C-alpha atoms as a PDB file:
ATOM      1  CA  MET A   1     150.476 -68.545 114.200  1.00  0.00           C
ATOM      2  CA  SER A   2     147.006 -67.240 113.439  1.00  0.00           C
ATOM      3  CA  LYS A   3     146.322 -64.928 110.523  1.00  0.00           C
ATOM      4  CA  ASP A   4     144.945 -61.429 110.995  1.00  0.00           C
ATOM      5  CA  LEU A   5     141.551 -60.336 109.684  1.00  0.00           C
ATOM      6  CA  THR A   6     142.932 -58.866 106.468  1.00  0.00           C
ATOM      7  CA  GLN A   7     144.754 -62.090 105.579  1.00  0.00           C
ATOM      8  CA  LEU A   8     141.710 -64.199 106.385  1.00  0.00           C
ATOM      9  CA  LEU A   9     139.527 -62.007 104.182  1.00  0.00           C
ATOM     10  CA  ALA A  10     141.964 -62.018 101.269  1.00  0.00           C
ATOM     11  CA  GLU A  11     142.777 -65.722 101.194  1.00  0.00           C
ATOM     12  CA  GLY A  12     140.800 -68.896 101.156  1.00  0.00           C
ATOM     13  CA  ALA A  13     140.635 -70.218 104.699  1.00  0.00           C
ATOM     14  CA  SER A  14     140.711 -73.624 106.311  1.00  0.00           C
ATOM     15  CA  PRO A  15     137.685 -74.605 108.417  1.00  0.00           C
ATOM     16  CA  ALA A  16     139.508 -73.540 111.605  1.00  0.00           C
ATOM     17  CA  GLU A  17     140.444 -70.202 110.033  1.00  0.00           C
ATOM     18  CA  ARG A  18     136.862 -69.670 108.844  1.00  0.00           C
ATOM     19  CA  ASP A  19     135.743 -70.159 112.451  1.00  0.00           C
ATOM     20  CA  GLN A  20     138.341 -67.608 113.573  1.00  0.00           C
ATOM     21  CA  LEU A  21     137.204 -65.156 110.880  1.00  0.00           C
ATOM     22  CA  PHE A  22     133.574 -65.589 111.831  1.00  0.00           C
ATOM     23  CA  ARG A  23     134.392 -64.797 115.472  1.00  0.00           C
ATOM     24  CA  LEU A  24     136.332 -61.706 114.387  1.00  0.00           C
ATOM     25  CA  VAL A  25     133.548 -60.225 112.242  1.00  0.00           C
ATOM     26  CA  TYR A  26     130.451 -61.582 113.992  1.00  0.00           C
ATOM     27  CA  ALA A  27     129.816 -58.553 116.209  1.00  0.00           C
ATOM     28  CA  GLU A  28     130.086 -56.123 113.295  1.00  0.00           C
ATOM     29  CA  LEU A  29     127.895 -58.293 111.063  1.00  0.00           C
ATOM     30  CA  LYS A  30     125.332 -58.545 113.842  1.00  0.00           C
ATOM     31  CA  GLN A  31     125.329 -54.743 114.149  1.00  0.00           C
ATOM     32  CA  LEU A  32     124.684 -54.461 110.386  1.00  0.00           C
ATOM     33  CA  ALA A  33     121.884 -57.024 110.704  1.00  0.00           C
ATOM     34  CA  ARG A  34     120.345 -55.158 113.658  1.00  0.00           C
ATOM     35  CA  ARG A  35     120.275 -51.988 111.592  1.00  0.00           C
ATOM     36  CA  GLU A  36     118.749 -53.868 108.687  1.00  0.00           C
ATOM     37  CA  LEU A  37     116.058 -55.529 110.767  1.00  0.00           C
ATOM     38  CA  GLY A  38     115.592 -52.962 113.535  1.00  0.00           C
ATOM     39  CA  ALA A  39     112.756 -51.116 111.882  1.00  0.00           C
ATOM     40  CA  ARG A  40     110.962 -54.136 110.478  1.00  0.00           C
ATOM     41  CA  SER A  41     107.316 -54.724 111.112  1.00  0.00           C
ATOM     42  CA  ARG A  42     106.128 -57.218 113.690  1.00  0.00           C
ATOM     43  CA  ASP A  43     105.404 -59.887 111.095  1.00  0.00           C
ATOM     44  CA  GLN A  44     109.109 -60.064 110.285  1.00  0.00           C
ATOM     45  CA  THR A  45     110.271 -63.637 110.838  1.00  0.00           C
ATOM     46  CA  LEU A  46     113.967 -63.163 110.131  1.00  0.00           C
ATOM     47  CA  SER A  47     116.109 -62.201 113.132  1.00  0.00           C
ATOM     48  CA  THR A  48     119.663 -60.890 113.342  1.00  0.00           C
ATOM     49  CA  GLY A  49     121.353 -64.228 114.034  1.00  0.00           C
ATOM     50  CA  PRO A  50     119.916 -66.077 111.045  1.00  0.00           C
ATOM     51  CA  LEU A  51     120.458 -63.028 108.803  1.00  0.00           C
ATOM     52  CA  VAL A  52     124.144 -62.907 109.799  1.00  0.00           C
ATOM     53  CA  HIS A  53     124.552 -66.644 109.225  1.00  0.00           C
ATOM     54  CA  GLU A  54     122.801 -66.612 105.855  1.00  0.00           C
ATOM     55  CA  ALA A  55     124.798 -63.593 104.702  1.00  0.00           C
ATOM     56  CA  TYR A  56     128.051 -65.188 105.880  1.00  0.00           C
ATOM     57  CA  LEU A  57     127.290 -68.339 103.898  1.00  0.00           C
ATOM     58  CA  LYS A  58     126.739 -66.190 100.798  1.00  0.00           C
ATOM     59  CA  LEU A  59     130.052 -64.434 101.408  1.00  0.00           C
ATOM     60  CA  PHE A  60     132.110 -67.601 101.855  1.00  0.00           C
ATOM     61  CA  PRO A  61     130.798 -70.417  99.690  1.00  0.00           C
ATOM     62  CA  GLU A  62     133.120 -73.377 100.199  1.00  0.00           C
ATOM     63  CA  GLY A  63     135.579 -71.231 102.203  1.00  0.00           C
ATOM     64  CA  ALA A  64     136.419 -68.873  99.336  1.00  0.00           C
ATOM     65  CA  GLY A  65     138.074 -65.602 100.280  1.00  0.00           C
ATOM     66  CA  GLY A  66     139.140 -62.849  97.931  1.00  0.00           C
ATOM     67  CA  PHE A  67     138.192 -59.639  99.714  1.00  0.00           C
ATOM     68  CA  GLU A  68     140.605 -56.763  99.163  1.00  0.00           C
ATOM     69  CA  SER A  69     139.954 -55.041 102.493  1.00  0.00           C
ATOM     70  CA  ARG A  70     137.599 -54.717 105.464  1.00  0.00           C
ATOM     71  CA  ARG A  71     135.693 -52.098 103.478  1.00  0.00           C
ATOM     72  CA  HIS A  72     135.247 -54.496 100.561  1.00  0.00           C
ATOM     73  CA  PHE A  73     134.130 -57.268 102.922  1.00  0.00           C
ATOM     74  CA  PHE A  74     131.544 -55.198 104.799  1.00  0.00           C
ATOM     75  CA  GLY A  75     130.198 -53.737 101.541  1.00  0.00           C
ATOM     76  CA  ALA A  76     129.744 -57.288 100.279  1.00  0.00           C
ATOM     77  CA  ALA A  77     128.135 -58.194 103.602  1.00  0.00           C
ATOM     78  CA  ALA A  78     125.569 -55.405 103.173  1.00  0.00           C
ATOM     79  CA  ARG A  79     124.788 -56.722  99.692  1.00  0.00           C
ATOM     80  CA  ALA A  80     124.482 -60.309 100.978  1.00  0.00           C
ATOM     81  CA  MET A  81     122.075 -59.177 103.698  1.00  0.00           C
ATOM     82  CA  ARG A  82     120.014 -57.351 101.088  1.00  0.00           C
ATOM     83  CA  GLN A  83     119.852 -60.538  99.035  1.00  0.00           C
ATOM     84  CA  VAL A  84     118.763 -62.599 102.037  1.00  0.00           C
ATOM     85  CA  VAL A  85     116.032 -60.118 102.982  1.00  0.00           C
ATOM     86  CA  VAL A  86     114.779 -59.868  99.390  1.00  0.00           C
ATOM     87  CA  ASP A  87     114.816 -63.659  98.978  1.00  0.00           C
ATOM     88  CA  GLN A  88     112.703 -63.960 102.107  1.00  0.00           C
ATOM     89  CA  ALA A  89     110.329 -61.300 100.773  1.00  0.00           C
ATOM     90  CA  ARG A  90     109.978 -63.177  97.489  1.00  0.00           C
ATOM     91  CA  SER A  91     109.197 -66.326  99.419  1.00  0.00           C
ATOM     92  CA  LYS A  92     106.491 -64.541 101.405  1.00  0.00           C
ATOM     93  CA  LEU A  93     105.117 -62.976  98.222  1.00  0.00           C
ATOM     94  CA  SER A  94     104.569 -66.379  96.709  1.00  0.00           C
ATOM     95  CA  VAL A  95     102.317 -67.171  99.672  1.00  0.00           C
ATOM     96  CA  ARG A  96     100.408 -63.896  99.985  1.00  0.00           C
ATOM     97  CA  ARG A  97      99.733 -60.884  97.821  1.00  0.00           C
ATOM     98  CA  GLY A  98      99.392 -57.164  98.616  1.00  0.00           C
ATOM     99  CA  GLN A  99      96.852 -56.011 101.145  1.00  0.00           C
ATOM    100  CA  GLY A 100      95.880 -52.640  99.693  1.00  0.00           C
ATOM    101  CA  GLN A 101      98.798 -50.788 101.240  1.00  0.00           C
ATOM    102  CA  ALA A 102     100.070 -47.499  99.864  1.00  0.00           C
ATOM    103  CA  ALA A 103     102.831 -47.392  97.270  1.00  0.00           C
ATOM    104  CA  LEU A 104     106.462 -47.230  98.318  1.00  0.00           C
ATOM    105  CA  ASN A 105     107.685 -43.775  99.362  1.00  0.00           C
ATOM    106  CA  LEU A 106     111.479 -43.300  99.445  1.00  0.00           C
ATOM    107  CA  ASP A 107     111.148 -40.787 102.299  1.00  0.00           C
ATOM    108  CA  GLU A 108     109.847 -43.596 104.484  1.00  0.00           C
ATOM    109  CA  VAL A 109     112.618 -46.056 103.702  1.00  0.00           C
ATOM    110  CA  GLU A 110     115.687 -43.856 103.980  1.00  0.00           C
ATOM    111  CA  GLY A 111     117.929 -44.707 106.902  1.00  0.00           C
ATOM    112  CA  GLY A 112     117.281 -48.437 107.047  1.00  0.00           C
ATOM    113  CA  GLN A 113     113.500 -48.245 107.500  1.00  0.00           C
ATOM    114  CA  ILE A 114     112.707 -50.497 104.556  1.00  0.00           C
ATOM    115  CA  GLY A 115     111.082 -53.377 106.400  1.00  0.00           C
ATOM    116  CA  GLN A 116     108.571 -51.215 108.210  1.00  0.00           C
ATOM    117  CA  ALA A 117     107.738 -48.880 105.398  1.00  0.00           C
ATOM    118  CA  CYS A 118     107.009 -51.137 102.474  1.00  0.00           C
ATOM    119  CA  ARG A 119     105.147 -54.227 101.596  1.00  0.00           C
ATOM    120  CA  ILE A 120     106.789 -57.228 100.043  1.00  0.00           C
ATOM    121  CA  GLU A 121     105.935 -56.295  96.455  1.00  0.00           C
ATOM    122  CA  ASP A 122     107.553 -52.890  96.943  1.00  0.00           C
ATOM    123  CA  LEU A 123     110.666 -54.460  98.434  1.00  0.00           C
ATOM    124  CA  ILE A 124     111.050 -56.620  95.333  1.00  0.00           C
ATOM    125  CA  ARG A 125     110.476 -53.601  93.040  1.00  0.00           C
ATOM    126  CA  LEU A 126     113.090 -51.702  95.032  1.00  0.00           C
ATOM    127  CA  ASP A 127     115.526 -54.601  94.634  1.00  0.00           C
ATOM    128  CA  ARG A 128     115.026 -54.508  90.858  1.00  0.00           C
ATOM    129  CA  ALA A 129     115.621 -50.749  90.895  1.00  0.00           C
ATOM    130  CA  PHE A 130     118.828 -51.345  92.877  1.00  0.00           C
ATOM    131  CA  ASP A 131     119.979 -53.861  90.260  1.00  0.00           C
ATOM    132  CA  ALA A 132     119.356 -51.273  87.521  1.00  0.00           C
ATOM    133  CA  LEU A 133     121.228 -48.655  89.572  1.00  0.00           C
ATOM    134  CA  GLY A 134     124.195 -51.027  89.841  1.00  0.00           C
ATOM    135  CA  GLU A 135     124.319 -51.336  86.069  1.00  0.00           C
ATOM    136  CA  VAL A 136     124.613 -47.537  85.796  1.00  0.00           C
ATOM    137  CA  ASP A 137     126.872 -46.755  88.768  1.00  0.00           C
ATOM    138  CA  GLU A 138     128.416 -49.402  91.027  1.00  0.00           C
ATOM    139  CA  ARG A 139     129.446 -46.948  93.768  1.00  0.00           C
ATOM    140  CA  ALA A 140     125.953 -45.467  93.828  1.00  0.00           C
ATOM    141  CA  LEU A 141     124.601 -48.979  94.382  1.00  0.00           C
ATOM    142  CA  ARG A 142     126.964 -49.494  97.342  1.00  0.00           C
ATOM    143  CA  VAL A 143     125.895 -46.122  98.774  1.00  0.00           C
ATOM    144  CA  ALA A 144     122.215 -47.010  98.326  1.00  0.00           C
ATOM    145  CA  GLU A 145     122.630 -50.413  99.982  1.00  0.00           C
ATOM    146  CA  LEU A 146     124.446 -48.918 102.945  1.00  0.00           C
ATOM    147  CA  ARG A 147     121.882 -46.117 103.270  1.00  0.00           C
ATOM    148  CA  TYR A 148     118.580 -47.857 102.570  1.00  0.00           C
ATOM    149  CA  PHE A 149     119.265 -51.412 103.687  1.00  0.00           C
ATOM    150  CA  VAL A 150     121.816 -50.989 106.457  1.00  0.00           C
ATOM    151  CA  GLY A 151     120.774 -47.524 107.646  1.00  0.00           C
ATOM    152  CA  LEU A 152     124.194 -45.905 107.835  1.00  0.00           C
ATOM    153  CA  GLU A 153     124.470 -42.134 108.077  1.00  0.00           C
ATOM    154  CA  LEU A 154     126.162 -40.199 105.254  1.00  0.00           C
ATOM    155  CA  SER A 155     129.384 -39.748 107.239  1.00  0.00           C
ATOM    156  CA  GLU A 156     129.487 -43.478 108.037  1.00  0.00           C
ATOM    157  CA  ILE A 157     129.014 -44.324 104.361  1.00  0.00           C
ATOM    158  CA  ALA A 158     131.765 -41.891 103.353  1.00  0.00           C
ATOM    159  CA  GLN A 159     134.129 -43.499 105.828  1.00  0.00           C
ATOM    160  CA  ALA A 160     133.181 -47.034 104.774  1.00  0.00           C
ATOM    161  CA  LEU A 161     133.740 -46.263 101.081  1.00  0.00           C
ATOM    162  CA  GLY A 162     136.771 -44.018 101.560  1.00  0.00           C
ATOM    163  CA  VAL A 163     135.250 -40.950  99.907  1.00  0.00           C
ATOM    164  CA  SER A 164     134.156 -37.518 101.145  1.00  0.00           C
ATOM    165  CA  VAL A 165     130.770 -36.670 102.627  1.00  0.00           C
ATOM    166  CA  PRO A 166     130.021 -34.201  99.773  1.00  0.00           C
ATOM    167  CA  THR A 167     130.608 -37.066  97.310  1.00  0.00           C
ATOM    168  CA  ILE A 168     128.109 -39.217  99.213  1.00  0.00           C
ATOM    169  CA  LYS A 169     125.623 -36.314  99.227  1.00  0.00           C
ATOM    170  CA  ARG A 170     125.942 -35.995  95.438  1.00  0.00           C
ATOM    171  CA  ASP A 171     125.570 -39.743  95.037  1.00  0.00           C
ATOM    172  CA  SER A 172     122.527 -39.707  97.328  1.00  0.00           C
ATOM    173  CA  HIS A 173     120.848 -37.024  95.230  1.00  0.00           C
ATOM    174  CA  PHE A 174     121.502 -39.060  92.066  1.00  0.00           C
ATOM    175  CA  ILE A 175     120.304 -42.267  93.771  1.00  0.00           C
ATOM    176  CA  ARG A 176     117.064 -40.700  94.960  1.00  0.00           C
ATOM    177  CA  ASN A 177     116.223 -39.363  91.474  1.00  0.00           C
ATOM    178  CA  PHE A 178     117.188 -42.650  89.833  1.00  0.00           C
ATOM    179  CA  LEU A 179     115.159 -44.789  92.253  1.00  0.00           C
ATOM    180  CA  GLU A 180     112.100 -42.519  92.067  1.00  0.00           C
ATOM    181  CA  ALA A 181     112.157 -42.738  88.257  1.00  0.00           C
ATOM    182  CA  ALA A 182     112.719 -46.516  88.325  1.00  0.00           C
ATOM    183  CA  LEU A 183     109.914 -47.080  90.823  1.00  0.00           C
ATOM    184  CA  ALA A 184     107.520 -44.828  88.898  1.00  0.00           C
ATOM    185  CA  ALA A 185     108.102 -46.782  85.670  1.00  0.00           C
END
């Protein structure tokens, strides 16, 4: 008898079960990756398939499970995709430096537009600001990742995190002020 998605996420899985899990979540992970990469500039070399695979490997090193729910899993998936994209940006940065582009503007990156709107150096600065945000407020970090990196709407974020839309609006206001101050420093 095969396990359902919740069981597969919560427990460590055998190789066959990991394959089953991957088939169950692949379409949703690919949708997250499309949102993440959809607005990227033409020089973007990472595509949805490799982003999904890299993120999945980060989520399940050596078949480990331990996710409490679908919500927990897809929040972790958004974070893993952010890490993959930032790692790629760092790799590119080591090869080339800024090309006189304008500084990062949060208005341009809201709604999953990060790849198009900012240069590699700004993406790395934004990642550092996200890390600092996570130290202050873990839920705010999850909201920011889902908004800025995945491009979810406020209602989608509220549903994903199991909170109200007004709560997400308050968090978004806090996040914007926090990130603007962190990026200005």
